[in-house]
């Protein structure tokens, strides 16, 4: 039986062309889908090393994204409550 990898370690499998591919999640899009990156190697051991290094590099390079700009934050005058006046 194959050994199970822990969460956050990515996945490793052999491709049809004989190379090993390691995939890991970099982040998530606004619609909630995962963003994947991959590494390729000739051997499984080499793929494990490359995958581990890529995951560490991805964690170091993550930046906080600023919150999205909304119309209300740019034009606050449009959303002020108006006083009711009777003519």
Foldseek 3Di string as FASTA:
>chain_A
DDDDDDPQQFDWDADPVQKIKTKGFLQADPVGDTDIDMDIDNDPVVRSVVSVVVSVVSVVPDDDDDDDDDPCVVCVVVVDDDDDDDD
